[in-house]
Amino acid sequence: MAISANDVKTLRERTGAGMMDCKHALQESNGDMEKAIDWLRKKGLQKVEKKAGRETREGIIQHYIHPGSRLGVLVEVNCETDFVARTDDFQIFTKDIAMHIAASKPIAVTREEIPTNVVDKEREIYFAQVKEQGKPDAIAAKIVDGKLDKFYQENCLLEQSFVKDPGKSVQDYLNEMIAKLGENMVIRRFVRFQLGD
């Protein structure tokens, strides 16, 4: 089946995928636009890991101001091209992330970004709690590690359950968008302001 350049262009605009990927997807789906989008999404999830090393120098700084203007968030989300940064899907994603940060109060994007002194203090508190229960050191260490994992899941943006879909993490949502848009994306940094804090 012959695929027109206009169809390829339309699919690229809808998905942000590369021209050749769009052409191949349309060929695989016999020109059906919706099936081509599904095909790109399935293939994209497999490519997420391959894209992880690619540079992300484009993107936007998104804001969210909660009604009443007592809480606000700025978040920087990067991608590879300004073409993707201007897509509706990318804009919606960044707004969702800003709103999530406002609601969930993460401390950092990843575990590695949480200051060592904060982690050490948490570990000390958890260890004291476990020792108070009279647990042996070997078991206490495992319990403390489990409590630290829970601490990370509650305080690291990428590990938190996504507020709009608690069945997946923010990292899962990010991976879906990387697959859908066909580019590496990174949530670089954020700042959350709350009146009186």
N, C-alpha and C. Protein backbone atom coordinates (compact mmCIF):
# COMPACT_ATOMS: atom_id res chain seq x y z
N MET A 1 0.84 -1.19 0.00
CA MET A 1 0.00 0.00 0.00
C MET A 1 0.88 1.25 0.00
N ALA A 2 0.53 2.21 -0.85
CA ALA A 2 1.29 3.46 -0.93
C ALA A 2 0.86 4.39 0.22
N ILE A 3 1.85 4.92 0.92
CA ILE A 3 1.59 5.82 2.04
C ILE A 3 1.93 7.24 1.58
N SER A 4 0.98 8.15 1.73
CA SER A 4 1.22 9.52 1.26
C SER A 4 2.06 10.30 2.28
N ALA A 5 2.77 11.28 1.78
CA ALA A 5 3.59 12.15 2.64
C ALA A 5 2.70 12.89 3.62
N ASN A 6 1.49 13.21 3.21
CA ASN A 6 0.55 13.93 4.07
C ASN A 6 0.15 13.07 5.27
N ASP A 7 -0.06 11.76 5.02
CA ASP A 7 -0.40 10.85 6.12
C ASP A 7 0.76 10.74 7.11
N VAL A 8 1.97 10.65 6.58
CA VAL A 8 3.16 10.58 7.44
C VAL A 8 3.26 11.85 8.28
N LYS A 9 3.03 13.00 7.64
CA LYS A 9 3.10 14.28 8.34
C LYS A 9 2.04 14.35 9.45
N THR A 10 0.83 13.91 9.14
CA THR A 10 -0.25 13.92 10.13
C THR A 10 0.09 13.05 11.33
N LEU A 11 0.60 11.84 11.04
CA LEU A 11 0.97 10.92 12.13
C LEU A 11 2.10 11.51 12.97
N ARG A 12 3.06 12.14 12.32
CA ARG A 12 4.18 12.76 13.04
C ARG A 12 3.67 13.88 13.96
N GLU A 13 2.74 14.69 13.45
CA GLU A 13 2.18 15.78 14.26
C GLU A 13 1.41 15.24 15.47
N ARG A 14 0.74 14.13 15.28
CA ARG A 14 -0.06 13.55 16.37
C ARG A 14 0.79 12.84 17.42
N THR A 15 1.91 12.28 16.98
CA THR A 15 2.71 11.45 17.91
C THR A 15 4.06 12.02 18.26
N GLY A 16 4.62 12.87 17.40
CA GLY A 16 5.97 13.38 17.64
C GLY A 16 7.05 12.39 17.26
N ALA A 17 6.66 11.24 16.68
CA ALA A 17 7.64 10.22 16.27
C ALA A 17 8.38 10.67 15.02
N GLY A 18 9.51 10.04 14.73
CA GLY A 18 10.31 10.37 13.56
C GLY A 18 9.59 10.02 12.26
N MET A 19 9.99 10.67 11.17
CA MET A 19 9.36 10.48 9.87
C MET A 19 9.38 9.02 9.43
N MET A 20 10.55 8.39 9.51
CA MET A 20 10.67 7.00 9.06
C MET A 20 9.85 6.06 9.95
N ASP A 21 9.82 6.34 11.24
CA ASP A 21 9.00 5.53 12.14
C ASP A 21 7.53 5.66 11.78
N CYS A 22 7.09 6.88 11.48
CA CYS A 22 5.70 7.11 11.09
C CYS A 22 5.36 6.37 9.80
N LYS A 23 6.26 6.46 8.83
CA LYS A 23 6.03 5.78 7.55
C LYS A 23 5.94 4.27 7.76
N HIS A 24 6.86 3.74 8.54
CA HIS A 24 6.86 2.30 8.81
C HIS A 24 5.59 1.87 9.55
N ALA A 25 5.17 2.67 10.53
CA ALA A 25 3.96 2.36 11.30
C ALA A 25 2.73 2.34 10.39
N LEU A 26 2.64 3.29 9.47
CA LEU A 26 1.51 3.33 8.54
C LEU A 26 1.54 2.13 7.59
N GLN A 27 2.73 1.74 7.17
CA GLN A 27 2.84 0.56 6.31
C GLN A 27 2.41 -0.70 7.07
N GLU A 28 2.85 -0.82 8.31
CA GLU A 28 2.51 -1.99 9.13
C GLU A 28 1.01 -2.07 9.42
N SER A 29 0.34 -0.92 9.48
CA SER A 29 -1.08 -0.89 9.83
C SER A 29 -1.98 -0.65 8.61
N ASN A 30 -1.42 -0.83 7.41
CA ASN A 30 -2.18 -0.64 6.16
C ASN A 30 -2.86 0.72 6.07
N GLY A 31 -2.17 1.74 6.56
CA GLY A 31 -2.67 3.11 6.43
C GLY A 31 -3.66 3.54 7.49
N ASP A 32 -4.02 2.66 8.43
CA ASP A 32 -4.96 2.99 9.50
C ASP A 32 -4.24 3.84 10.56
N MET A 33 -4.65 5.09 10.69
CA MET A 33 -3.97 6.05 11.56
C MET A 33 -3.97 5.60 13.03
N GLU A 34 -5.12 5.14 13.53
CA GLU A 34 -5.20 4.72 14.94
C GLU A 34 -4.35 3.49 15.22
N LYS A 35 -4.35 2.53 14.30
CA LYS A 35 -3.52 1.34 14.47
C LYS A 35 -2.04 1.72 14.38
N ALA A 36 -1.72 2.69 13.54
CA ALA A 36 -0.33 3.15 13.43
C ALA A 36 0.12 3.79 14.74
N ILE A 37 -0.76 4.55 15.37
CA ILE A 37 -0.43 5.17 16.67
C ILE A 37 -0.18 4.08 17.70
N ASP A 38 -1.06 3.07 17.74
CA ASP A 38 -0.87 1.96 18.68
C ASP A 38 0.45 1.24 18.41
N TRP A 39 0.76 1.02 17.14
CA TRP A 39 2.00 0.34 16.76
C TRP A 39 3.20 1.14 17.25
N LEU A 40 3.16 2.46 17.06
CA LEU A 40 4.26 3.32 17.51
C LEU A 40 4.41 3.26 19.03
N ARG A 41 3.30 3.25 19.74
CA ARG A 41 3.35 3.20 21.20
C ARG A 41 3.98 1.90 21.68
N LYS A 42 3.57 0.78 21.06
CA LYS A 42 4.13 -0.51 21.46
C LYS A 42 5.63 -0.56 21.19
N LYS A 43 6.03 -0.13 20.02
CA LYS A 43 7.45 -0.12 19.67
C LYS A 43 8.21 0.88 20.53
N GLY A 44 7.57 1.98 20.85
CA GLY A 44 8.21 3.04 21.63
C GLY A 44 8.60 2.58 23.02
N LEU A 45 7.75 1.76 23.66
CA LEU A 45 8.08 1.28 25.00
C LEU A 45 9.37 0.46 24.99
N GLN A 46 9.60 -0.26 23.89
CA GLN A 46 10.82 -1.05 23.78
C GLN A 46 12.04 -0.15 23.58
N LYS A 47 11.81 1.02 23.04
CA LYS A 47 12.92 1.92 22.72
C LYS A 47 13.26 2.89 23.85
N VAL A 48 12.43 2.93 24.91
CA VAL A 48 12.64 3.88 26.00
C VAL A 48 14.04 3.76 26.57
N GLU A 49 14.48 2.53 26.82
CA GLU A 49 15.80 2.33 27.40
C GLU A 49 16.91 2.79 26.45
N LYS A 50 16.71 2.60 25.16
CA LYS A 50 17.72 3.01 24.19
C LYS A 50 17.85 4.53 24.14
N LYS A 51 16.78 5.24 24.42
CA LYS A 51 16.79 6.69 24.34
C LYS A 51 17.39 7.35 25.58
N ALA A 52 17.53 6.58 26.65
CA ALA A 52 17.92 7.13 27.94
C ALA A 52 19.22 7.92 27.91
N GLY A 53 20.17 7.56 27.06
CA GLY A 53 21.45 8.25 27.03
C GLY A 53 21.49 9.49 26.15
N ARG A 54 20.41 9.75 25.41
CA ARG A 54 20.43 10.87 24.47
C ARG A 54 20.24 12.20 25.20
N GLU A 55 20.89 13.22 24.68
CA GLU A 55 20.86 14.54 25.31
C GLU A 55 19.49 15.19 25.23
N THR A 56 19.14 15.89 26.30
CA THR A 56 17.87 16.60 26.37
C THR A 56 18.16 18.05 26.70
N ARG A 57 18.23 18.88 25.68
CA ARG A 57 18.57 20.29 25.89
C ARG A 57 17.41 21.23 25.60
N GLU A 58 16.32 20.67 25.10
CA GLU A 58 15.12 21.47 24.84
C GLU A 58 14.11 21.19 25.94
N GLY A 59 12.93 21.75 25.82
CA GLY A 59 11.88 21.52 26.81
C GLY A 59 11.27 22.82 27.27
N ILE A 60 10.64 22.76 28.44
CA ILE A 60 10.01 23.97 28.98
C ILE A 60 10.10 23.99 30.50
N ILE A 61 9.86 25.16 31.03
CA ILE A 61 9.65 25.32 32.46
C ILE A 61 8.16 25.56 32.62
N GLN A 62 7.50 24.62 33.27
CA GLN A 62 6.05 24.68 33.44
C GLN A 62 5.73 25.20 34.84
N HIS A 63 4.60 25.87 34.96
CA HIS A 63 4.18 26.36 36.28
C HIS A 63 2.79 25.83 36.61
N TYR A 64 2.52 25.80 37.90
CA TYR A 64 1.18 25.47 38.38
C TYR A 64 0.93 26.33 39.60
N ILE A 65 -0.16 27.06 39.57
CA ILE A 65 -0.58 27.87 40.72
C ILE A 65 -1.92 27.31 41.18
N HIS A 66 -1.95 26.84 42.42
CA HIS A 66 -3.18 26.26 42.95
C HIS A 66 -4.21 27.37 43.18
N PRO A 67 -5.49 27.07 42.94
CA PRO A 67 -6.53 28.09 43.19
C PRO A 67 -6.39 28.68 44.59
N GLY A 68 -6.47 29.98 44.65
CA GLY A 68 -6.27 30.69 45.90
C GLY A 68 -4.88 31.29 46.00
N SER A 69 -4.02 30.92 45.08
CA SER A 69 -2.66 31.46 44.97
C SER A 69 -1.83 31.34 46.25
N ARG A 70 -2.01 30.23 46.97
CA ARG A 70 -1.23 30.01 48.18
C ARG A 70 -0.18 28.91 47.99
N LEU A 71 -0.20 28.28 46.79
CA LEU A 71 0.71 27.19 46.49
C LEU A 71 1.08 27.25 45.01
N GLY A 72 2.37 27.15 44.74
CA GLY A 72 2.81 27.19 43.35
C GLY A 72 4.00 26.28 43.11
N VAL A 73 4.15 25.86 41.85
CA VAL A 73 5.23 24.95 41.46
C VAL A 73 5.84 25.43 40.15
N LEU A 74 7.16 25.34 40.04
CA LEU A 74 7.87 25.48 38.78
C LEU A 74 8.62 24.17 38.56
N VAL A 75 8.51 23.61 37.35
CA VAL A 75 9.21 22.36 37.04
C VAL A 75 9.83 22.47 35.66
N GLU A 76 11.08 22.01 35.55
CA GLU A 76 11.78 21.98 34.26
C GLU A 76 11.73 20.55 33.73
N VAL A 77 11.16 20.41 32.53
CA VAL A 77 11.11 19.11 31.87
C VAL A 77 11.81 19.27 30.52
N ASN A 78 12.79 18.42 30.28
CA ASN A 78 13.59 18.51 29.06
C ASN A 78 13.27 17.38 28.10
N CYS A 79 13.46 17.68 26.81
CA CYS A 79 13.32 16.69 25.75
C CYS A 79 14.42 16.98 24.73
N GLU A 80 14.42 16.25 23.62
CA GLU A 80 15.51 16.40 22.65
C GLU A 80 15.30 17.55 21.67
N THR A 81 14.06 17.82 21.29
CA THR A 81 13.81 18.84 20.26
C THR A 81 12.72 19.81 20.68
N ASP A 82 12.79 21.02 20.13
CA ASP A 82 11.73 21.98 20.42
C ASP A 82 10.44 21.58 19.75
N PHE A 83 10.52 20.76 18.69
CA PHE A 83 9.31 20.27 18.03
C PHE A 83 8.44 19.50 19.03
N VAL A 84 9.05 18.58 19.78
CA VAL A 84 8.31 17.81 20.77
C VAL A 84 7.88 18.71 21.93
N ALA A 85 8.73 19.64 22.34
CA ALA A 85 8.40 20.53 23.45
C ALA A 85 7.14 21.35 23.18
N ARG A 86 6.84 21.58 21.91
CA ARG A 86 5.66 22.37 21.56
C ARG A 86 4.40 21.54 21.36
N THR A 87 4.51 20.21 21.42
CA THR A 87 3.33 19.38 21.19
C THR A 87 2.37 19.47 22.37
N ASP A 88 1.10 19.25 22.08
CA ASP A 88 0.09 19.26 23.14
C ASP A 88 0.37 18.19 24.18
N ASP A 89 0.79 17.00 23.73
CA ASP A 89 1.06 15.91 24.67
C ASP A 89 2.15 16.28 25.67
N PHE A 90 3.21 16.93 25.19
CA PHE A 90 4.30 17.33 26.08
C PHE A 90 3.81 18.40 27.06
N GLN A 91 3.03 19.35 26.56
CA GLN A 91 2.50 20.41 27.42
C GLN A 91 1.60 19.84 28.51
N ILE A 92 0.73 18.90 28.13
CA ILE A 92 -0.17 18.27 29.10
C ILE A 92 0.65 17.50 30.13
N PHE A 93 1.66 16.77 29.66
CA PHE A 93 2.52 16.01 30.58
C PHE A 93 3.16 16.93 31.62
N THR A 94 3.74 18.03 31.17
CA THR A 94 4.42 18.93 32.11
C THR A 94 3.44 19.56 33.10
N LYS A 95 2.24 19.87 32.63
CA LYS A 95 1.22 20.42 33.56
C LYS A 95 0.83 19.37 34.59
N ASP A 96 0.67 18.13 34.13
CA ASP A 96 0.35 17.04 35.06
C ASP A 96 1.44 16.88 36.12
N ILE A 97 2.69 16.96 35.70
CA ILE A 97 3.80 16.79 36.64
C ILE A 97 3.83 17.95 37.64
N ALA A 98 3.62 19.17 37.17
CA ALA A 98 3.59 20.33 38.07
C ALA A 98 2.46 20.18 39.09
N MET A 99 1.29 19.76 38.63
CA MET A 99 0.16 19.56 39.54
C MET A 99 0.46 18.43 40.53
N HIS A 100 1.09 17.37 40.06
CA HIS A 100 1.45 16.26 40.94
C HIS A 100 2.39 16.73 42.05
N ILE A 101 3.38 17.54 41.68
CA ILE A 101 4.34 18.06 42.67
C ILE A 101 3.61 18.90 43.72
N ALA A 102 2.66 19.72 43.27
CA ALA A 102 1.89 20.53 44.20
C ALA A 102 1.15 19.65 45.21
N ALA A 103 0.57 18.55 44.72
CA ALA A 103 -0.24 17.69 45.57
C ALA A 103 0.58 16.75 46.44
N SER A 104 1.70 16.26 45.93
CA SER A 104 2.42 15.17 46.60
C SER A 104 3.67 15.57 47.37
N LYS A 105 4.11 16.79 47.25
CA LYS A 105 5.24 17.33 48.01
C LYS A 105 6.51 16.48 47.98
N PRO A 106 7.01 16.09 46.81
CA PRO A 106 8.27 15.34 46.80
C PRO A 106 9.42 16.20 47.29
N ILE A 107 10.47 15.56 47.78
CA ILE A 107 11.68 16.26 48.23
C ILE A 107 12.64 16.45 47.06
N ALA A 108 12.73 15.44 46.19
CA ALA A 108 13.69 15.45 45.09
C ALA A 108 13.13 14.62 43.94
N VAL A 109 13.77 14.73 42.77
CA VAL A 109 13.34 13.96 41.61
C VAL A 109 13.71 12.49 41.78
N THR A 110 14.96 12.21 42.21
CA THR A 110 15.44 10.84 42.37
C THR A 110 16.01 10.61 43.77
N ARG A 111 16.26 9.36 44.09
CA ARG A 111 16.87 9.00 45.38
C ARG A 111 18.22 9.68 45.56
N GLU A 112 18.98 9.71 44.48
CA GLU A 112 20.34 10.25 44.55
C GLU A 112 20.37 11.74 44.91
N GLU A 113 19.26 12.43 44.67
CA GLU A 113 19.22 13.87 44.93
C GLU A 113 18.80 14.22 46.36
N ILE A 114 18.34 13.24 47.11
CA ILE A 114 17.99 13.52 48.51
C ILE A 114 19.29 13.66 49.29
N PRO A 115 19.45 14.75 50.04
CA PRO A 115 20.70 14.98 50.78
C PRO A 115 21.03 13.81 51.72
N THR A 116 22.31 13.48 51.79
CA THR A 116 22.78 12.36 52.60
C THR A 116 22.38 12.53 54.06
N ASN A 117 22.46 13.77 54.56
CA ASN A 117 22.12 13.99 55.98
C ASN A 117 20.65 13.68 56.27
N VAL A 118 19.76 13.91 55.29
CA VAL A 118 18.34 13.59 55.47
C VAL A 118 18.16 12.07 55.54
N VAL A 119 18.82 11.34 54.62
CA VAL A 119 18.73 9.88 54.60
C VAL A 119 19.34 9.30 55.88
N ASP A 120 20.48 9.83 56.29
CA ASP A 120 21.14 9.33 57.51
C ASP A 120 20.24 9.53 58.74
N LYS A 121 19.57 10.68 58.80
CA LYS A 121 18.68 10.96 59.94
C LYS A 121 17.50 9.99 59.94
N GLU A 122 16.91 9.75 58.76
CA GLU A 122 15.80 8.80 58.66
C GLU A 122 16.26 7.40 59.08
N ARG A 123 17.43 7.00 58.60
CA ARG A 123 17.97 5.67 58.94
C ARG A 123 18.16 5.56 60.45
N GLU A 124 18.68 6.61 61.08
CA GLU A 124 18.90 6.62 62.52
C GLU A 124 17.59 6.48 63.29
N ILE A 125 16.57 7.21 62.86
CA ILE A 125 15.25 7.15 63.51
C ILE A 125 14.66 5.75 63.36
N TYR A 126 14.70 5.20 62.14
CA TYR A 126 14.14 3.87 61.90
C TYR A 126 14.88 2.82 62.72
N PHE A 127 16.20 2.93 62.79
CA PHE A 127 16.98 1.96 63.54
C PHE A 127 16.62 2.01 65.03
N ALA A 128 16.46 3.23 65.55
CA ALA A 128 16.08 3.39 66.96
C ALA A 128 14.70 2.77 67.20
N GLN A 129 13.77 2.97 66.28
CA GLN A 129 12.42 2.40 66.42
C GLN A 129 12.48 0.88 66.45
N VAL A 130 13.27 0.30 65.56
CA VAL A 130 13.36 -1.16 65.46
C VAL A 130 14.07 -1.75 66.68
N LYS A 131 15.12 -1.09 67.15
CA LYS A 131 15.85 -1.56 68.33
C LYS A 131 14.94 -1.50 69.57
N GLU A 132 14.07 -0.50 69.61
CA GLU A 132 13.12 -0.35 70.71
C GLU A 132 12.19 -1.56 70.79
N GLN A 133 11.95 -2.18 69.64
CA GLN A 133 11.09 -3.38 69.57
C GLN A 133 11.87 -4.65 69.93
N GLY A 134 13.18 -4.51 70.17
CA GLY A 134 13.99 -5.63 70.60
C GLY A 134 14.41 -6.58 69.48
N LYS A 135 14.44 -6.11 68.26
CA LYS A 135 14.82 -6.95 67.11
C LYS A 135 16.33 -7.14 67.07
N PRO A 136 16.81 -8.34 66.66
CA PRO A 136 18.26 -8.57 66.49
C PRO A 136 18.80 -7.68 65.36
N ASP A 137 20.10 -7.39 65.40
CA ASP A 137 20.71 -6.47 64.43
C ASP A 137 20.50 -6.88 62.98
N ALA A 138 20.64 -8.17 62.67
CA ALA A 138 20.49 -8.65 61.29
C ALA A 138 19.08 -8.38 60.77
N ILE A 139 18.09 -8.66 61.58
CA ILE A 139 16.70 -8.41 61.17
C ILE A 139 16.42 -6.90 61.16
N ALA A 140 16.98 -6.20 62.14
CA ALA A 140 16.77 -4.75 62.23
C ALA A 140 17.25 -4.05 60.96
N ALA A 141 18.40 -4.48 60.44
CA ALA A 141 18.95 -3.86 59.23
C ALA A 141 18.01 -4.03 58.04
N LYS A 142 17.41 -5.22 57.91
CA LYS A 142 16.47 -5.46 56.81
C LYS A 142 15.20 -4.62 56.96
N ILE A 143 14.72 -4.51 58.19
CA ILE A 143 13.51 -3.71 58.44
C ILE A 143 13.80 -2.24 58.13
N VAL A 144 14.97 -1.75 58.54
CA VAL A 144 15.36 -0.36 58.26
C VAL A 144 15.44 -0.12 56.76
N ASP A 145 16.04 -1.07 56.02
CA ASP A 145 16.12 -0.94 54.56
C ASP A 145 14.72 -0.86 53.94
N GLY A 146 13.80 -1.67 54.44
CA GLY A 146 12.42 -1.63 53.95
C GLY A 146 11.75 -0.29 54.23
N LYS A 147 11.99 0.24 55.44
CA LYS A 147 11.41 1.54 55.80
C LYS A 147 12.01 2.65 54.94
N LEU A 148 13.32 2.55 54.64
CA LEU A 148 13.95 3.54 53.77
C LEU A 148 13.39 3.49 52.35
N ASP A 149 13.13 2.28 51.85
CA ASP A 149 12.52 2.15 50.52
C ASP A 149 11.16 2.86 50.50
N LYS A 150 10.38 2.66 51.55
CA LYS A 150 9.07 3.33 51.64
C LYS A 150 9.25 4.85 51.69
N PHE A 151 10.26 5.31 52.44
CA PHE A 151 10.56 6.74 52.51
C PHE A 151 10.86 7.30 51.12
N TYR A 152 11.67 6.56 50.35
CA TYR A 152 12.00 7.00 48.98
C TYR A 152 10.74 7.03 48.10
N GLN A 153 9.91 6.02 48.21
CA GLN A 153 8.69 5.96 47.40
C GLN A 153 7.75 7.12 47.71
N GLU A 154 7.77 7.59 48.94
CA GLU A 154 6.90 8.70 49.33
C GLU A 154 7.50 10.05 49.00
N ASN A 155 8.84 10.15 48.87
CA ASN A 155 9.49 11.45 48.75
C ASN A 155 10.25 11.71 47.46
N CYS A 156 10.47 10.70 46.64
CA CYS A 156 11.15 10.87 45.36
C CYS A 156 10.11 10.97 44.26
N LEU A 157 10.11 12.05 43.52
CA LEU A 157 9.10 12.31 42.51
C LEU A 157 8.88 11.11 41.59
N LEU A 158 9.96 10.56 41.03
CA LEU A 158 9.81 9.49 40.04
C LEU A 158 9.25 8.20 40.63
N GLU A 159 9.37 8.02 41.95
CA GLU A 159 8.88 6.79 42.59
C GLU A 159 7.48 6.94 43.16
N GLN A 160 6.98 8.17 43.26
CA GLN A 160 5.65 8.38 43.82
C GLN A 160 4.57 7.83 42.89
N SER A 161 3.44 7.43 43.49
CA SER A 161 2.27 7.05 42.69
C SER A 161 1.72 8.33 42.07
N PHE A 162 1.44 8.27 40.78
CA PHE A 162 0.96 9.44 40.05
C PHE A 162 -0.45 9.80 40.53
N VAL A 163 -0.67 11.06 40.91
CA VAL A 163 -1.94 11.47 41.52
C VAL A 163 -3.16 11.22 40.63
N LYS A 164 -3.01 11.35 39.32
CA LYS A 164 -4.15 11.16 38.43
C LYS A 164 -4.41 9.69 38.11
N ASP A 165 -3.43 8.81 38.39
CA ASP A 165 -3.56 7.39 38.14
C ASP A 165 -2.67 6.64 39.13
N PRO A 166 -3.14 6.44 40.36
CA PRO A 166 -2.31 5.84 41.41
C PRO A 166 -1.80 4.44 41.10
N GLY A 167 -2.33 3.80 40.06
CA GLY A 167 -1.86 2.48 39.67
C GLY A 167 -0.49 2.49 39.01
N LYS A 168 0.00 3.68 38.69
CA LYS A 168 1.34 3.77 38.08
C LYS A 168 2.14 4.86 38.76
N SER A 169 3.45 4.73 38.65
CA SER A 169 4.35 5.73 39.24
C SER A 169 4.56 6.88 38.25
N VAL A 170 5.15 7.94 38.73
CA VAL A 170 5.51 9.06 37.85
C VAL A 170 6.52 8.57 36.81
N GLN A 171 7.43 7.68 37.21
CA GLN A 171 8.39 7.10 36.26
C GLN A 171 7.67 6.34 35.15
N ASP A 172 6.62 5.59 35.50
CA ASP A 172 5.83 4.87 34.48
C ASP A 172 5.20 5.85 33.50
N TYR A 173 4.64 6.94 34.03
CA TYR A 173 4.01 7.96 33.18
C TYR A 173 5.06 8.59 32.26
N LEU A 174 6.24 8.89 32.81
CA LEU A 174 7.33 9.44 32.01
C LEU A 174 7.72 8.47 30.90
N ASN A 175 7.85 7.19 31.21
CA ASN A 175 8.21 6.18 30.20
C ASN A 175 7.16 6.11 29.10
N GLU A 176 5.88 6.20 29.47
CA GLU A 176 4.81 6.19 28.47
C GLU A 176 4.96 7.37 27.50
N MET A 177 5.30 8.54 28.05
CA MET A 177 5.44 9.73 27.21
C MET A 177 6.67 9.62 26.31
N ILE A 178 7.76 9.06 26.83
CA ILE A 178 8.96 8.86 26.00
C ILE A 178 8.61 7.95 24.83
N ALA A 179 7.88 6.88 25.12
CA ALA A 179 7.48 5.95 24.06
C ALA A 179 6.54 6.62 23.07
N LYS A 180 5.61 7.40 23.57
CA LYS A 180 4.62 8.04 22.70
C LYS A 180 5.24 9.11 21.82
N LEU A 181 6.11 9.93 22.40
CA LEU A 181 6.68 11.06 21.67
C LEU A 181 7.96 10.71 20.93
N GLY A 182 8.57 9.57 21.25
CA GLY A 182 9.73 9.11 20.51
C GLY A 182 11.03 9.82 20.82
N GLU A 183 11.08 10.49 21.95
CA GLU A 183 12.31 11.19 22.35
C GLU A 183 12.59 10.93 23.82
N ASN A 184 13.86 11.04 24.18
CA ASN A 184 14.22 10.98 25.59
C ASN A 184 13.67 12.21 26.28
N MET A 185 13.18 12.03 27.48
CA MET A 185 12.66 13.14 28.28
C MET A 185 13.18 12.99 29.71
N VAL A 186 13.42 14.12 30.36
CA VAL A 186 13.94 14.11 31.72
C VAL A 186 13.21 15.18 32.53
N ILE A 187 12.74 14.79 33.71
CA ILE A 187 12.25 15.79 34.66
C ILE A 187 13.49 16.25 35.39
N ARG A 188 13.96 17.45 35.06
CA ARG A 188 15.27 17.91 35.52
C ARG A 188 15.25 18.39 36.97
N ARG A 189 14.33 19.29 37.29
CA ARG A 189 14.30 19.87 38.64
C ARG A 189 12.97 20.56 38.86
N PHE A 190 12.69 20.86 40.11
CA PHE A 190 11.45 21.56 40.44
C PHE A 190 11.64 22.35 41.72
N VAL A 191 10.73 23.28 41.92
CA VAL A 191 10.66 24.01 43.19
C VAL A 191 9.19 24.19 43.51
N ARG A 192 8.87 23.97 44.78
CA ARG A 192 7.48 24.06 45.25
C ARG A 192 7.41 25.15 46.31
N PHE A 193 6.52 26.10 46.10
CA PHE A 193 6.35 27.22 47.04
C PHE A 193 5.00 27.08 47.71
N GLN A 194 4.99 27.23 49.04
CA GLN A 194 3.72 27.27 49.76
C GLN A 194 3.76 28.44 50.70
N LEU A 195 2.72 29.24 50.67
CA LEU A 195 2.65 30.44 51.49
C LEU A 195 2.85 30.06 52.96
N GLY A 196 3.76 30.74 53.63
CA GLY A 196 4.00 30.49 55.04
C GLY A 196 5.07 29.46 55.33
N ASP A 197 5.52 28.71 54.30
CA ASP A 197 6.58 27.70 54.51
C ASP A 197 7.95 28.32 54.33
